[in-house]
Amino acid sequence: MFRRPSTRWLFLALVLIVIGLWPAAVAPIAWASAGADHILAATPGPVLALAAVAVWLKHRPAPIAKPAA
């Protein structure tokens, strides 16, 4: 029926809004984001910066190889 997955999600959201279940369907997502907000707010800035640097060093892009002359 639908070829693109995004169309299915939009249709699901529309159906949930029309039926009136949208607040109940979105509540777990709101709770998870509120929990993540509290964790991020409780973590000191330097710790977050150090974690970001560690992740970048682990997943940094590979250097571009120069062509042989």
PDB file of N, CA and C in Angstrom:
ATOM      1  N   MET A   1       0.815  -1.179   0.000  1.00  0.00           N
ATOM      2  CA  MET A   1       0.000   0.000   0.000  1.00  0.00           C
ATOM      3  C   MET A   1       0.868   1.255   0.000  1.00  0.00           C
ATOM      4  N   PHE A   2       1.794   1.355   0.978  1.00  0.00           N
ATOM      5  CA  PHE A   2       2.693   2.497   1.024  1.00  0.00           C
ATOM      6  C   PHE A   2       4.099   2.025   0.667  1.00  0.00           C
ATOM      7  N   ARG A   3       4.767   2.771  -0.179  1.00  0.00           N
ATOM      8  CA  ARG A   3       6.108   2.382  -0.578  1.00  0.00           C
ATOM      9  C   ARG A   3       7.179   3.016   0.286  1.00  0.00           C
ATOM     10  N   ARG A   4       6.895   4.168   0.858  1.00  0.00           N
ATOM     11  CA  ARG A   4       7.896   4.856   1.679  1.00  0.00           C
ATOM     12  C   ARG A   4       7.532   4.703   3.152  1.00  0.00           C
ATOM     13  N   PRO A   5       8.526   4.322   3.993  1.00  0.00           N
ATOM     14  CA  PRO A   5       8.226   4.153   5.420  1.00  0.00           C
ATOM     15  C   PRO A   5       7.759   5.448   6.082  1.00  0.00           C
ATOM     16  N   SER A   6       8.253   6.608   5.640  1.00  0.00           N
ATOM     17  CA  SER A   6       7.850   7.867   6.262  1.00  0.00           C
ATOM     18  C   SER A   6       6.354   8.109   6.075  1.00  0.00           C
ATOM     19  N   THR A   7       5.798   7.632   4.981  1.00  0.00           N
ATOM     20  CA  THR A   7       4.364   7.791   4.746  1.00  0.00           C
ATOM     21  C   THR A   7       3.576   7.011   5.784  1.00  0.00           C
ATOM     22  N   ARG A   8       4.065   5.833   6.141  1.00  0.00           N
ATOM     23  CA  ARG A   8       3.377   5.037   7.152  1.00  0.00           C
ATOM     24  C   ARG A   8       3.385   5.735   8.501  1.00  0.00           C
ATOM     25  N   TRP A   9       4.533   6.335   8.860  1.00  0.00           N
ATOM     26  CA  TRP A   9       4.617   7.032  10.157  1.00  0.00           C
ATOM     27  C   TRP A   9       3.695   8.245  10.185  1.00  0.00           C
ATOM     28  N   LEU A  10       3.638   8.981   9.090  1.00  0.00           N
ATOM     29  CA  LEU A  10       2.738  10.130   9.036  1.00  0.00           C
ATOM     30  C   LEU A  10       1.281   9.685   9.136  1.00  0.00           C
ATOM     31  N   PHE A  11       0.961   8.611   8.469  1.00  0.00           N
ATOM     32  CA  PHE A  11      -0.407   8.099   8.527  1.00  0.00           C
ATOM     33  C   PHE A  11      -0.738   7.628   9.940  1.00  0.00           C
ATOM     34  N   LEU A  12       0.207   6.956  10.608  1.00  0.00           N
ATOM     35  CA  LEU A  12      -0.011   6.513  11.983  1.00  0.00           C
ATOM     36  C   LEU A  12      -0.226   7.709  12.911  1.00  0.00           C
ATOM     37  N   ALA A  13       0.592   8.751  12.769  1.00  0.00           N
ATOM     38  CA  ALA A  13       0.436   9.947  13.596  1.00  0.00           C
ATOM     39  C   ALA A  13      -0.920  10.598  13.347  1.00  0.00           C
ATOM     40  N   LEU A  14      -1.327  10.684  12.100  1.00  0.00           N
ATOM     41  CA  LEU A  14      -2.619  11.271  11.768  1.00  0.00           C
ATOM     42  C   LEU A  14      -3.761  10.468  12.388  1.00  0.00           C
ATOM     43  N   VAL A  15      -3.686   9.155  12.287  1.00  0.00           N
ATOM     44  CA  VAL A  15      -4.729   8.307  12.861  1.00  0.00           C
ATOM     45  C   VAL A  15      -4.788   8.488  14.377  1.00  0.00           C
ATOM     46  N   LEU A  16      -3.623   8.519  15.040  1.00  0.00           N
ATOM     47  CA  LEU A  16      -3.611   8.673  16.486  1.00  0.00           C
ATOM     48  C   LEU A  16      -4.151  10.032  16.914  1.00  0.00           C
ATOM     49  N   ILE A  17      -3.861  11.065  16.152  1.00  0.00           N
ATOM     50  CA  ILE A  17      -4.399  12.389  16.473  1.00  0.00           C
ATOM     51  C   ILE A  17      -5.906  12.401  16.298  1.00  0.00           C
ATOM     52  N   VAL A  18      -6.374  11.827  15.211  1.00  0.00           N
ATOM     53  CA  VAL A  18      -7.817  11.822  14.941  1.00  0.00           C
ATOM     54  C   VAL A  18      -8.554  11.016  16.006  1.00  0.00           C
ATOM     55  N   ILE A  19      -8.020   9.891  16.372  1.00  0.00           N
ATOM     56  CA  ILE A  19      -8.684   9.041  17.362  1.00  0.00           C
ATOM     57  C   ILE A  19      -8.609   9.666  18.761  1.00  0.00           C
ATOM     58  N   GLY A  20      -7.559  10.416  19.014  1.00  0.00           N
ATOM     59  CA  GLY A  20      -7.422  11.050  20.318  1.00  0.00           C
ATOM     60  C   GLY A  20      -6.449  10.346  21.236  1.00  0.00           C
ATOM     61  N   LEU A  21      -5.669   9.429  20.700  1.00  0.00           N
ATOM     62  CA  LEU A  21      -4.723   8.690  21.518  1.00  0.00           C
ATOM     63  C   LEU A  21      -3.318   9.268  21.467  1.00  0.00           C
ATOM     64  N   TRP A  22      -3.153  10.386  20.802  1.00  0.00           N
ATOM     65  CA  TRP A  22      -1.811  10.943  20.642  1.00  0.00           C
ATOM     66  C   TRP A  22      -1.123  11.213  21.981  1.00  0.00           C
ATOM     67  N   PRO A  23      -1.765  11.831  22.966  1.00  0.00           N
ATOM     68  CA  PRO A  23      -1.068  12.061  24.240  1.00  0.00           C
ATOM     69  C   PRO A  23      -0.614  10.766  24.910  1.00  0.00           C
ATOM     70  N   ALA A  24      -1.426   9.735  24.851  1.00  0.00           N
ATOM     71  CA  ALA A  24      -1.045   8.460  25.455  1.00  0.00           C
ATOM     72  C   ALA A  24       0.072   7.788  24.660  1.00  0.00           C
ATOM     73  N   ALA A  25       0.069   7.965  23.355  1.00  0.00           N
ATOM     74  CA  ALA A  25       1.087   7.335  22.528  1.00  0.00           C
ATOM     75  C   ALA A  25       2.433   8.035  22.660  1.00  0.00           C
ATOM     76  N   VAL A  26       2.423   9.329  22.895  1.00  0.00           N
ATOM     77  CA  VAL A  26       3.661  10.088  22.940  1.00  0.00           C
ATOM     78  C   VAL A  26       4.218  10.209  24.366  1.00  0.00           C
ATOM     79  N   ALA A  27       3.469   9.824  25.376  1.00  0.00           N
ATOM     80  CA  ALA A  27       3.908   9.973  26.763  1.00  0.00           C
ATOM     81  C   ALA A  27       5.221   9.249  27.064  1.00  0.00           C
ATOM     82  N   PRO A  28       5.431   7.998  26.645  1.00  0.00           N
ATOM     83  CA  PRO A  28       6.713   7.355  26.947  1.00  0.00           C
ATOM     84  C   PRO A  28       7.901   8.072  26.318  1.00  0.00           C
ATOM     85  N   ILE A  29       7.715   8.649  25.148  1.00  0.00           N
ATOM     86  CA  ILE A  29       8.798   9.391  24.506  1.00  0.00           C
ATOM     87  C   ILE A  29       9.097  10.650  25.305  1.00  0.00           C
ATOM     88  N   ALA A  30       8.077  11.331  25.777  1.00  0.00           N
ATOM     89  CA  ALA A  30       8.279  12.532  26.593  1.00  0.00           C
ATOM     90  C   ALA A  30       8.969  12.183  27.905  1.00  0.00           C
ATOM     91  N   TRP A  31       8.595  11.071  28.512  1.00  0.00           N
ATOM     92  CA  TRP A  31       9.232  10.667  29.769  1.00  0.00           C
ATOM     93  C   TRP A  31      10.702  10.341  29.548  1.00  0.00           C
ATOM     94  N   ALA A  32      11.017   9.660  28.443  1.00  0.00           N
ATOM     95  CA  ALA A  32      12.414   9.317  28.160  1.00  0.00           C
ATOM     96  C   ALA A  32      13.238  10.571  27.917  1.00  0.00           C
ATOM     97  N   SER A  33      12.692  11.527  27.188  1.00  0.00           N
ATOM     98  CA  SER A  33      13.451  12.748  26.938  1.00  0.00           C
ATOM     99  C   SER A  33      13.604  13.569  28.212  1.00  0.00           C
ATOM    100  N   ALA A  34      12.604  13.545  29.084  1.00  0.00           N
ATOM    101  CA  ALA A  34      12.731  14.247  30.369  1.00  0.00           C
ATOM    102  C   ALA A  34      13.812  13.598  31.223  1.00  0.00           C
ATOM    103  N   GLY A  35      13.885  12.286  31.200  1.00  0.00           N
ATOM    104  CA  GLY A  35      14.941  11.587  31.945  1.00  0.00           C
ATOM    105  C   GLY A  35      16.318  11.925  31.399  1.00  0.00           C
ATOM    106  N   ALA A  36      16.442  11.973  30.084  1.00  0.00           N
ATOM    107  CA  ALA A  36      17.728  12.330  29.474  1.00  0.00           C
ATOM    108  C   ALA A  36      18.095  13.773  29.799  1.00  0.00           C
ATOM    109  N   ASP A  37      17.108  14.661  29.841  1.00  0.00           N
ATOM    110  CA  ASP A  37      17.367  16.058  30.216  1.00  0.00           C
ATOM    111  C   ASP A  37      17.911  16.154  31.638  1.00  0.00           C
ATOM    112  N   HIS A  38      17.342  15.371  32.544  1.00  0.00           N
ATOM    113  CA  HIS A  38      17.815  15.408  33.929  1.00  0.00           C
ATOM    114  C   HIS A  38      19.231  14.870  34.048  1.00  0.00           C
ATOM    115  N   ILE A  39      19.533  13.814  33.315  1.00  0.00           N
ATOM    116  CA  ILE A  39      20.888  13.249  33.367  1.00  0.00           C
ATOM    117  C   ILE A  39      21.890  14.237  32.791  1.00  0.00           C
ATOM    118  N   LEU A  40      21.570  14.856  31.666  1.00  0.00           N
ATOM    119  CA  LEU A  40      22.477  15.833  31.074  1.00  0.00           C
ATOM    120  C   LEU A  40      22.649  17.065  31.962  1.00  0.00           C
ATOM    121  N   ALA A  41      21.587  17.483  32.630  1.00  0.00           N
ATOM    122  CA  ALA A  41      21.679  18.653  33.494  1.00  0.00           C
ATOM    123  C   ALA A  41      22.505  18.367  34.738  1.00  0.00           C
ATOM    124  N   ALA A  42      22.510  17.122  35.208  1.00  0.00           N
ATOM    125  CA  ALA A  42      23.259  16.771  36.411  1.00  0.00           C
ATOM    126  C   ALA A  42      24.727  16.495  36.125  1.00  0.00           C
ATOM    127  N   THR A  43      25.092  16.290  34.865  1.00  0.00           N
ATOM    128  CA  THR A  43      26.468  15.988  34.506  1.00  0.00           C
ATOM    129  C   THR A  43      27.227  17.286  34.279  1.00  0.00           C
ATOM    130  N   PRO A  44      28.392  17.456  34.937  1.00  0.00           N
ATOM    131  CA  PRO A  44      29.165  18.687  34.752  1.00  0.00           C
ATOM    132  C   PRO A  44      29.639  18.859  33.305  1.00  0.00           C
ATOM    133  N   GLY A  45      29.755  20.107  32.895  1.00  0.00           N
ATOM    134  CA  GLY A  45      30.160  20.422  31.531  1.00  0.00           C
ATOM    135  C   GLY A  45      31.497  19.831  31.118  1.00  0.00           C
ATOM    136  N   PRO A  46      32.552  19.927  31.959  1.00  0.00           N
ATOM    137  CA  PRO A  46      33.843  19.337  31.564  1.00  0.00           C
ATOM    138  C   PRO A  46      33.772  17.828  31.338  1.00  0.00           C
ATOM    139  N   VAL A  47      32.925  17.141  32.085  1.00  0.00           N
ATOM    140  CA  VAL A  47      32.780  15.696  31.888  1.00  0.00           C
ATOM    141  C   VAL A  47      32.139  15.420  30.530  1.00  0.00           C
ATOM    142  N   LEU A  48      31.126  16.210  30.169  1.00  0.00           N
ATOM    143  CA  LEU A  48      30.496  16.042  28.855  1.00  0.00           C
ATOM    144  C   LEU A  48      31.488  16.354  27.734  1.00  0.00           C
ATOM    145  N   ALA A  49      32.308  17.402  27.929  1.00  0.00           N
ATOM    146  CA  ALA A  49      33.303  17.750  26.915  1.00  0.00           C
ATOM    147  C   ALA A  49      34.338  16.641  26.772  1.00  0.00           C
ATOM    148  N   LEU A  50      34.789  16.079  27.889  1.00  0.00           N
ATOM    149  CA  LEU A  50      35.762  14.984  27.834  1.00  0.00           C
ATOM    150  C   LEU A  50      35.165  13.756  27.140  1.00  0.00           C
ATOM    151  N   ALA A  51      33.904  13.471  27.416  1.00  0.00           N
ATOM    152  CA  ALA A  51      33.242  12.342  26.755  1.00  0.00           C
ATOM    153  C   ALA A  51      33.120  12.598  25.253  1.00  0.00           C
ATOM    154  N   ALA A  52      32.813  13.832  24.871  1.00  0.00           N
ATOM    155  CA  ALA A  52      32.699  14.162  23.446  1.00  0.00           C
ATOM    156  C   ALA A  52      34.048  14.004  22.752  1.00  0.00           C
ATOM    157  N   VAL A  53      35.117  14.442  23.393  1.00  0.00           N
ATOM    158  CA  VAL A  53      36.458  14.292  22.801  1.00  0.00           C
ATOM    159  C   VAL A  53      36.817  12.820  22.682  1.00  0.00           C
ATOM    160  N   ALA A  54      36.513  12.018  23.694  1.00  0.00           N
ATOM    161  CA  ALA A  54      36.821  10.584  23.644  1.00  0.00           C
ATOM    162  C   ALA A  54      36.061   9.890  22.514  1.00  0.00           C
ATOM    163  N   VAL A  55      34.799  10.245  22.346  1.00  0.00           N
ATOM    164  CA  VAL A  55      34.005   9.640  21.263  1.00  0.00           C
ATOM    165  C   VAL A  55      34.548  10.077  19.910  1.00  0.00           C
ATOM    166  N   TRP A  56      34.929  11.359  19.783  1.00  0.00           N
ATOM    167  CA  TRP A  56      35.462  11.832  18.514  1.00  0.00           C
ATOM    168  C   TRP A  56      36.785  11.137  18.192  1.00  0.00           C
ATOM    169  N   LEU A  57      37.656  10.964  19.192  1.00  0.00           N
ATOM    170  CA  LEU A  57      38.929  10.290  18.946  1.00  0.00           C
ATOM    171  C   LEU A  57      38.721   8.837  18.530  1.00  0.00           C
ATOM    172  N   LYS A  58      37.726   8.201  19.102  1.00  0.00           N
ATOM    173  CA  LYS A  58      37.456   6.803  18.745  1.00  0.00           C
ATOM    174  C   LYS A  58      36.878   6.676  17.341  1.00  0.00           C
ATOM    175  N   HIS A  59      36.052   7.638  16.932  1.00  0.00           N
ATOM    176  CA  HIS A  59      35.349   7.535  15.651  1.00  0.00           C
ATOM    177  C   HIS A  59      35.760   8.620  14.665  1.00  0.00           C
ATOM    178  N   ARG A  60      36.954   9.159  14.793  1.00  0.00           N
ATOM    179  CA  ARG A  60      37.362  10.233  13.886  1.00  0.00           C
ATOM    180  C   ARG A  60      37.512   9.703  12.467  1.00  0.00           C
ATOM    181  N   PRO A  61      37.316  10.560  11.485  1.00  0.00           N
ATOM    182  CA  PRO A  61      37.418  10.115  10.103  1.00  0.00           C
ATOM    183  C   PRO A  61      38.861   9.764   9.744  1.00  0.00           C
ATOM    184  N   ALA A  62      38.994   8.809   8.871  1.00  0.00           N
ATOM    185  CA  ALA A  62      40.323   8.403   8.426  1.00  0.00           C
ATOM    186  C   ALA A  62      40.930   9.494   7.551  1.00  0.00           C
ATOM    187  N   PRO A  63      42.253   9.683   7.660  1.00  0.00           N
ATOM    188  CA  PRO A  63      42.878  10.703   6.819  1.00  0.00           C
ATOM    189  C   PRO A  63      42.792  10.316   5.339  1.00  0.00           C
ATOM    190  N   ILE A  64      42.692  11.323   4.499  1.00  0.00           N
ATOM    191  CA  ILE A  64      42.600  11.097   3.063  1.00  0.00           C
ATOM    192  C   ILE A  64      43.996  10.774   2.532  1.00  0.00           C
ATOM    193  N   ALA A  65      44.090   9.662   1.831  1.00  0.00           N
ATOM    194  CA  ALA A  65      45.381   9.269   1.269  1.00  0.00           C
ATOM    195  C   ALA A  65      45.740  10.163   0.093  1.00  0.00           C
ATOM    196  N   LYS A  66      46.981  10.615   0.093  1.00  0.00           N
ATOM    197  CA  LYS A  66      47.447  11.456  -1.014  1.00  0.00           C
ATOM    198  C   LYS A  66      47.859  10.555  -2.176  1.00  0.00           C
ATOM    199  N   PRO A  67      47.535  10.954  -3.405  1.00  0.00           N
ATOM    200  CA  PRO A  67      47.921  10.113  -4.550  1.00  0.00           C
ATOM    201  C   PRO A  67      49.428  10.122  -4.732  1.00  0.00           C
ATOM    202  N   ALA A  68      49.931   8.991  -5.181  1.00  0.00           N
ATOM    203  CA  ALA A  68      51.379   8.872  -5.419  1.00  0.00           C
ATOM    204  C   ALA A  68      51.778   9.750  -6.601  1.00  0.00           C
ATOM    205  N   ALA A  69      52.929  10.387  -6.466  1.00  0.00           N
ATOM    206  CA  ALA A  69      53.390  11.295  -7.525  1.00  0.00           C
ATOM    207  C   ALA A  69      54.052  10.573  -8.655  1.00  0.00           C
TER     208      ALA A  69
END
